[in-house]
N, C-alpha and C. Protein backbone atom coordinates (compact mmCIF):
# COMPACT_ATOMS: atom_id res chain seq x y z
N MET A 1 125.45 98.94 79.61
CA MET A 1 124.14 98.32 79.41
C MET A 1 123.70 97.62 80.70
N LYS A 2 122.46 97.85 81.10
CA LYS A 2 121.93 97.24 82.32
C LYS A 2 121.56 95.78 82.04
N THR A 3 121.82 94.94 83.01
CA THR A 3 121.59 93.50 82.84
C THR A 3 120.22 93.08 83.36
N ILE A 4 119.84 91.86 83.05
CA ILE A 4 118.59 91.29 83.56
C ILE A 4 118.64 91.22 85.09
N ASP A 5 119.80 90.85 85.63
CA ASP A 5 119.94 90.81 87.10
C ASP A 5 119.71 92.18 87.72
N TYR A 6 120.18 93.23 87.05
CA TYR A 6 119.95 94.58 87.55
C TYR A 6 118.45 94.83 87.69
N TYR A 7 117.71 94.55 86.62
CA TYR A 7 116.26 94.79 86.64
C TYR A 7 115.53 93.84 87.60
N MET A 8 115.97 92.60 87.70
CA MET A 8 115.33 91.64 88.61
C MET A 8 115.42 92.09 90.06
N ASN A 9 116.46 92.83 90.39
CA ASN A 9 116.65 93.28 91.77
C ASN A 9 115.96 94.60 92.08
N LEU A 10 115.32 95.20 91.09
CA LEU A 10 114.58 96.44 91.35
C LEU A 10 113.23 96.10 91.99
N PRO A 11 112.71 96.99 92.81
CA PRO A 11 111.45 96.72 93.53
C PRO A 11 110.20 97.01 92.71
N TYR A 12 109.98 96.20 91.68
CA TYR A 12 108.76 96.36 90.88
C TYR A 12 107.54 95.97 91.72
N ARG A 13 106.49 96.77 91.61
CA ARG A 13 105.25 96.51 92.36
C ARG A 13 104.50 95.36 91.70
N LEU A 14 104.09 94.40 92.52
CA LEU A 14 103.34 93.24 92.06
C LEU A 14 101.90 93.36 92.55
N GLU A 15 100.95 93.23 91.63
CA GLU A 15 99.53 93.23 91.98
C GLU A 15 98.99 91.82 91.82
N ILE A 16 98.21 91.37 92.80
CA ILE A 16 97.59 90.04 92.74
C ILE A 16 96.11 90.20 93.05
N PHE A 17 95.28 89.59 92.22
CA PHE A 17 93.84 89.64 92.45
C PHE A 17 93.21 88.34 91.95
N PRO A 18 92.03 87.99 92.49
CA PRO A 18 91.40 86.74 92.09
C PRO A 18 90.89 86.81 90.65
N ASP A 19 90.86 85.65 90.01
CA ASP A 19 90.30 85.54 88.66
C ASP A 19 88.92 84.92 88.80
N PRO A 20 87.86 85.75 88.76
CA PRO A 20 86.51 85.24 89.00
C PRO A 20 86.01 84.28 87.91
N GLU A 21 86.55 84.39 86.72
CA GLU A 21 86.08 83.53 85.63
C GLU A 21 86.78 82.19 85.59
N GLU A 22 88.09 82.18 85.79
CA GLU A 22 88.88 80.95 85.67
C GLU A 22 89.21 80.34 87.03
N GLY A 23 89.05 81.12 88.09
CA GLY A 23 89.49 80.66 89.40
C GLY A 23 90.96 80.96 89.58
N GLY A 24 91.46 80.80 90.77
CA GLY A 24 92.85 81.10 91.05
C GLY A 24 93.09 82.59 91.12
N TYR A 25 94.32 83.00 90.84
CA TYR A 25 94.73 84.40 91.00
C TYR A 25 95.51 84.86 89.79
N VAL A 26 95.41 86.14 89.51
CA VAL A 26 96.17 86.80 88.44
C VAL A 26 97.21 87.68 89.11
N ALA A 27 98.41 87.67 88.57
CA ALA A 27 99.49 88.52 89.08
C ALA A 27 100.06 89.32 87.92
N ARG A 28 100.33 90.59 88.19
CA ARG A 28 100.91 91.44 87.14
C ARG A 28 101.80 92.50 87.74
N TYR A 29 102.74 92.96 86.93
CA TYR A 29 103.63 94.06 87.29
C TYR A 29 103.20 95.26 86.47
N PRO A 30 102.53 96.26 87.09
CA PRO A 30 102.03 97.40 86.33
C PRO A 30 103.10 98.18 85.58
N ASP A 31 104.34 98.19 86.08
CA ASP A 31 105.41 98.93 85.40
C ASP A 31 106.00 98.17 84.21
N LEU A 32 105.59 96.91 84.03
CA LEU A 32 106.09 96.09 82.92
C LEU A 32 104.88 95.67 82.08
N PRO A 33 104.49 96.47 81.11
CA PRO A 33 103.27 96.22 80.34
C PRO A 33 103.23 94.82 79.72
N GLY A 34 102.16 94.10 80.00
CA GLY A 34 101.99 92.76 79.46
C GLY A 34 102.63 91.66 80.29
N CYS A 35 103.30 92.01 81.37
CA CYS A 35 103.92 91.01 82.24
C CYS A 35 102.85 90.55 83.23
N ILE A 36 102.20 89.45 82.89
CA ILE A 36 101.07 88.96 83.65
C ILE A 36 101.10 87.44 83.68
N THR A 37 100.62 86.86 84.77
CA THR A 37 100.59 85.41 84.90
C THR A 37 99.46 85.03 85.85
N VAL A 38 99.29 83.75 86.08
CA VAL A 38 98.24 83.26 86.97
C VAL A 38 98.80 82.18 87.89
N GLY A 39 98.02 81.83 88.89
CA GLY A 39 98.38 80.74 89.79
C GLY A 39 97.14 80.24 90.50
N ASN A 40 97.16 78.98 90.92
CA ASN A 40 96.01 78.41 91.62
C ASN A 40 95.84 78.99 93.01
N SER A 41 96.94 79.44 93.63
CA SER A 41 96.91 80.07 94.95
C SER A 41 97.71 81.37 94.85
N MET A 42 97.62 82.18 95.89
CA MET A 42 98.41 83.42 95.89
C MET A 42 99.90 83.10 95.85
N GLU A 43 100.29 82.04 96.57
CA GLU A 43 101.71 81.66 96.57
C GLU A 43 102.16 81.25 95.18
N ASP A 44 101.33 80.47 94.47
CA ASP A 44 101.66 80.08 93.10
C ASP A 44 101.76 81.31 92.20
N ALA A 45 100.84 82.24 92.38
CA ALA A 45 100.83 83.45 91.56
C ALA A 45 102.12 84.25 91.77
N VAL A 46 102.56 84.36 93.02
CA VAL A 46 103.80 85.09 93.33
C VAL A 46 105.00 84.39 92.68
N GLU A 47 105.06 83.08 92.84
CA GLU A 47 106.17 82.31 92.26
C GLU A 47 106.17 82.43 90.73
N ASN A 48 105.00 82.29 90.13
CA ASN A 48 104.89 82.40 88.67
C ASN A 48 105.21 83.81 88.20
N ALA A 49 104.88 84.81 89.02
CA ALA A 49 105.15 86.20 88.66
C ALA A 49 106.65 86.45 88.55
N GLU A 50 107.43 85.86 89.46
CA GLU A 50 108.88 86.01 89.38
C GLU A 50 109.42 85.42 88.08
N ASP A 51 108.90 84.25 87.70
CA ASP A 51 109.32 83.63 86.44
C ASP A 51 108.91 84.49 85.25
N ALA A 52 107.67 85.00 85.30
CA ALA A 52 107.17 85.83 84.19
C ALA A 52 107.99 87.11 84.07
N LYS A 53 108.34 87.70 85.22
CA LYS A 53 109.14 88.92 85.20
C LYS A 53 110.50 88.66 84.55
N LYS A 54 111.13 87.55 84.91
CA LYS A 54 112.44 87.23 84.33
C LYS A 54 112.33 87.02 82.82
N GLU A 55 111.31 86.29 82.39
CA GLU A 55 111.12 86.06 80.95
C GLU A 55 110.82 87.36 80.22
N TRP A 56 109.98 88.20 80.82
CA TRP A 56 109.62 89.49 80.21
C TRP A 56 110.87 90.35 80.06
N LEU A 57 111.66 90.43 81.13
CA LEU A 57 112.88 91.24 81.10
C LEU A 57 113.90 90.69 80.10
N THR A 58 114.03 89.37 80.05
CA THR A 58 114.96 88.74 79.10
C THR A 58 114.57 89.11 77.67
N ALA A 59 113.30 88.97 77.35
CA ALA A 59 112.83 89.30 75.99
C ALA A 59 113.04 90.79 75.69
N ALA A 60 112.78 91.65 76.67
CA ALA A 60 112.94 93.09 76.45
C ALA A 60 114.41 93.45 76.22
N VAL A 61 115.31 92.89 77.02
CA VAL A 61 116.74 93.17 76.87
C VAL A 61 117.22 92.67 75.51
N GLU A 62 116.85 91.45 75.15
CA GLU A 62 117.29 90.87 73.87
C GLU A 62 116.73 91.64 72.68
N SER A 63 115.55 92.24 72.82
CA SER A 63 114.92 92.99 71.73
C SER A 63 115.31 94.46 71.73
N GLY A 64 116.04 94.89 72.74
CA GLY A 64 116.44 96.29 72.81
C GLY A 64 115.30 97.22 73.22
N VAL A 65 114.29 96.68 73.86
CA VAL A 65 113.15 97.48 74.30
C VAL A 65 113.55 98.26 75.55
N ASP A 66 113.11 99.52 75.61
CA ASP A 66 113.35 100.31 76.81
C ASP A 66 112.54 99.72 77.96
N ILE A 67 113.19 99.54 79.10
CA ILE A 67 112.54 98.96 80.27
C ILE A 67 112.38 100.06 81.32
N ALA A 68 111.15 100.30 81.70
CA ALA A 68 110.88 101.30 82.72
C ALA A 68 111.33 100.78 84.08
N GLU A 69 111.93 101.65 84.85
CA GLU A 69 112.27 101.27 86.21
C GLU A 69 111.06 101.57 87.09
N PRO A 70 110.97 100.91 88.24
CA PRO A 70 109.79 101.11 89.09
C PRO A 70 109.61 102.57 89.48
N MET A 71 108.35 102.94 89.65
CA MET A 71 108.06 104.29 90.10
C MET A 71 108.68 104.50 91.48
N LYS A 72 109.21 105.66 91.71
CA LYS A 72 109.83 105.97 93.00
C LYS A 72 108.77 106.04 94.08
N MET A 73 109.09 105.50 95.22
CA MET A 73 108.16 105.50 96.35
C MET A 73 108.69 106.36 97.49
N ASP A 74 109.55 107.33 97.15
CA ASP A 74 110.08 108.23 98.18
C ASP A 74 108.93 108.88 98.93
N GLY A 75 109.06 108.95 100.22
CA GLY A 75 108.03 109.57 101.03
C GLY A 75 106.96 108.60 101.49
N TYR A 76 107.05 107.35 101.06
CA TYR A 76 106.08 106.33 101.47
C TYR A 76 106.85 105.21 102.17
N SER A 77 106.46 104.91 103.39
CA SER A 77 107.16 103.87 104.14
C SER A 77 106.62 102.48 103.84
N GLY A 78 105.39 102.41 103.31
CA GLY A 78 104.77 101.11 103.10
C GLY A 78 104.07 100.61 104.34
N GLN A 79 103.96 101.45 105.34
CA GLN A 79 103.32 101.05 106.59
C GLN A 79 102.35 102.14 107.03
N PHE A 80 101.25 101.71 107.64
CA PHE A 80 100.35 102.63 108.32
C PHE A 80 99.56 101.84 109.35
N LYS A 81 99.13 102.50 110.39
CA LYS A 81 98.36 101.84 111.43
C LYS A 81 96.88 101.91 111.07
N LEU A 82 96.19 100.86 111.44
CA LEU A 82 94.77 100.77 111.13
C LEU A 82 94.04 100.20 112.32
N ARG A 83 93.04 100.91 112.79
CA ARG A 83 92.21 100.41 113.88
C ARG A 83 90.91 99.92 113.27
N LEU A 84 90.45 98.74 113.71
CA LEU A 84 89.24 98.15 113.17
C LEU A 84 88.48 97.42 114.26
N PRO A 85 87.21 97.16 114.02
CA PRO A 85 86.43 96.43 115.03
C PRO A 85 87.00 95.03 115.26
N LYS A 86 86.85 94.54 116.48
CA LYS A 86 87.36 93.22 116.83
C LYS A 86 86.76 92.13 115.95
N SER A 87 85.48 92.28 115.61
CA SER A 87 84.83 91.26 114.77
C SER A 87 85.47 91.21 113.37
N LEU A 88 85.81 92.35 112.83
CA LEU A 88 86.47 92.38 111.51
C LEU A 88 87.89 91.81 111.63
N HIS A 89 88.58 92.14 112.70
CA HIS A 89 89.92 91.59 112.94
C HIS A 89 89.86 90.07 112.95
N ARG A 90 88.88 89.51 113.67
CA ARG A 90 88.73 88.05 113.75
C ARG A 90 88.47 87.46 112.35
N LYS A 91 87.55 88.08 111.59
CA LYS A 91 87.24 87.57 110.25
C LYS A 91 88.46 87.60 109.34
N LEU A 92 89.21 88.68 109.39
CA LEU A 92 90.43 88.78 108.58
C LEU A 92 91.43 87.70 108.97
N ALA A 93 91.59 87.48 110.26
CA ALA A 93 92.51 86.45 110.75
C ALA A 93 92.07 85.07 110.28
N GLU A 94 90.78 84.79 110.34
CA GLU A 94 90.26 83.49 109.91
C GLU A 94 90.45 83.29 108.41
N HIS A 95 90.15 84.31 107.62
CA HIS A 95 90.29 84.19 106.16
C HIS A 95 91.75 84.04 105.75
N SER A 96 92.64 84.77 106.42
CA SER A 96 94.06 84.65 106.07
C SER A 96 94.57 83.25 106.42
N LYS A 97 94.08 82.69 107.52
CA LYS A 97 94.48 81.33 107.90
C LYS A 97 94.00 80.33 106.86
N GLU A 98 92.76 80.51 106.38
CA GLU A 98 92.21 79.63 105.34
C GLU A 98 93.06 79.68 104.07
N GLU A 99 93.57 80.86 103.74
CA GLU A 99 94.39 81.04 102.53
C GLU A 99 95.84 80.61 102.76
N GLY A 100 96.20 80.41 104.01
CA GLY A 100 97.57 79.99 104.31
C GLY A 100 98.59 81.10 104.20
N VAL A 101 98.16 82.33 104.45
CA VAL A 101 99.06 83.49 104.38
C VAL A 101 98.92 84.30 105.67
N SER A 102 99.86 85.20 105.89
CA SER A 102 99.77 86.07 107.06
C SER A 102 98.59 87.02 106.89
N MET A 103 98.12 87.55 108.00
CA MET A 103 97.02 88.50 107.91
C MET A 103 97.48 89.75 107.17
N ASN A 104 98.72 90.14 107.34
CA ASN A 104 99.25 91.30 106.63
C ASN A 104 99.20 91.06 105.11
N GLN A 105 99.65 89.88 104.68
CA GLN A 105 99.62 89.54 103.25
C GLN A 105 98.18 89.52 102.74
N TYR A 106 97.29 88.97 103.54
CA TYR A 106 95.89 88.88 103.13
C TYR A 106 95.27 90.27 102.99
N CYS A 107 95.58 91.17 103.90
CA CYS A 107 95.05 92.53 103.82
C CYS A 107 95.61 93.27 102.60
N VAL A 108 96.89 93.05 102.30
CA VAL A 108 97.47 93.65 101.10
C VAL A 108 96.75 93.12 99.86
N TYR A 109 96.47 91.81 99.85
CA TYR A 109 95.73 91.21 98.75
C TYR A 109 94.37 91.87 98.60
N LEU A 110 93.64 92.05 99.70
CA LEU A 110 92.30 92.66 99.64
C LEU A 110 92.37 94.10 99.13
N LEU A 111 93.35 94.85 99.61
CA LEU A 111 93.50 96.22 99.14
C LEU A 111 93.86 96.25 97.65
N SER A 112 94.73 95.35 97.21
CA SER A 112 95.09 95.28 95.79
C SER A 112 93.90 94.89 94.94
N LYS A 113 93.12 93.96 95.44
CA LYS A 113 91.92 93.50 94.72
C LYS A 113 90.97 94.67 94.53
N ASN A 114 90.75 95.44 95.57
CA ASN A 114 89.86 96.58 95.47
C ASN A 114 90.40 97.62 94.48
N GLU A 115 91.70 97.86 94.53
CA GLU A 115 92.32 98.81 93.62
C GLU A 115 92.15 98.34 92.16
N ALA A 116 92.29 97.03 91.92
CA ALA A 116 92.13 96.49 90.56
C ALA A 116 90.70 96.65 90.09
N ILE A 117 89.73 96.44 90.98
CA ILE A 117 88.32 96.59 90.60
C ILE A 117 88.00 98.04 90.27
N GLU A 118 88.57 98.96 91.02
CA GLU A 118 88.33 100.38 90.79
C GLU A 118 88.84 100.83 89.42
N LYS A 119 89.90 100.18 88.92
CA LYS A 119 90.49 100.56 87.64
C LYS A 119 89.70 100.02 86.45
N VAL A 120 88.83 99.04 86.68
CA VAL A 120 88.09 98.41 85.57
C VAL A 120 86.97 99.30 85.11
């Protein structure tokens, strides 16, 4: 039988997007249906997501629910180069600084936000 620690160490994809109605951010694991949480900042959302994932997995293991493992990402490195105008680069750098995150993290957030909007 697989343990909670086994599942906690798997690379489940985390999506984070702003909550326009309540403020703050929503975080969810698409491979774990119903595993969703919120936070006042992106950092809070990430921290709360880890707690939510552990609670979700604990409940699933105790209930005997089948737990899906993350979708395989073979063939994807998670990296790509992107060229953009200097003015956009500056704006992204400024916004990421305001949010207190790296520009890379901020761009991932923006891409995730757009992906979430497209699914609605």
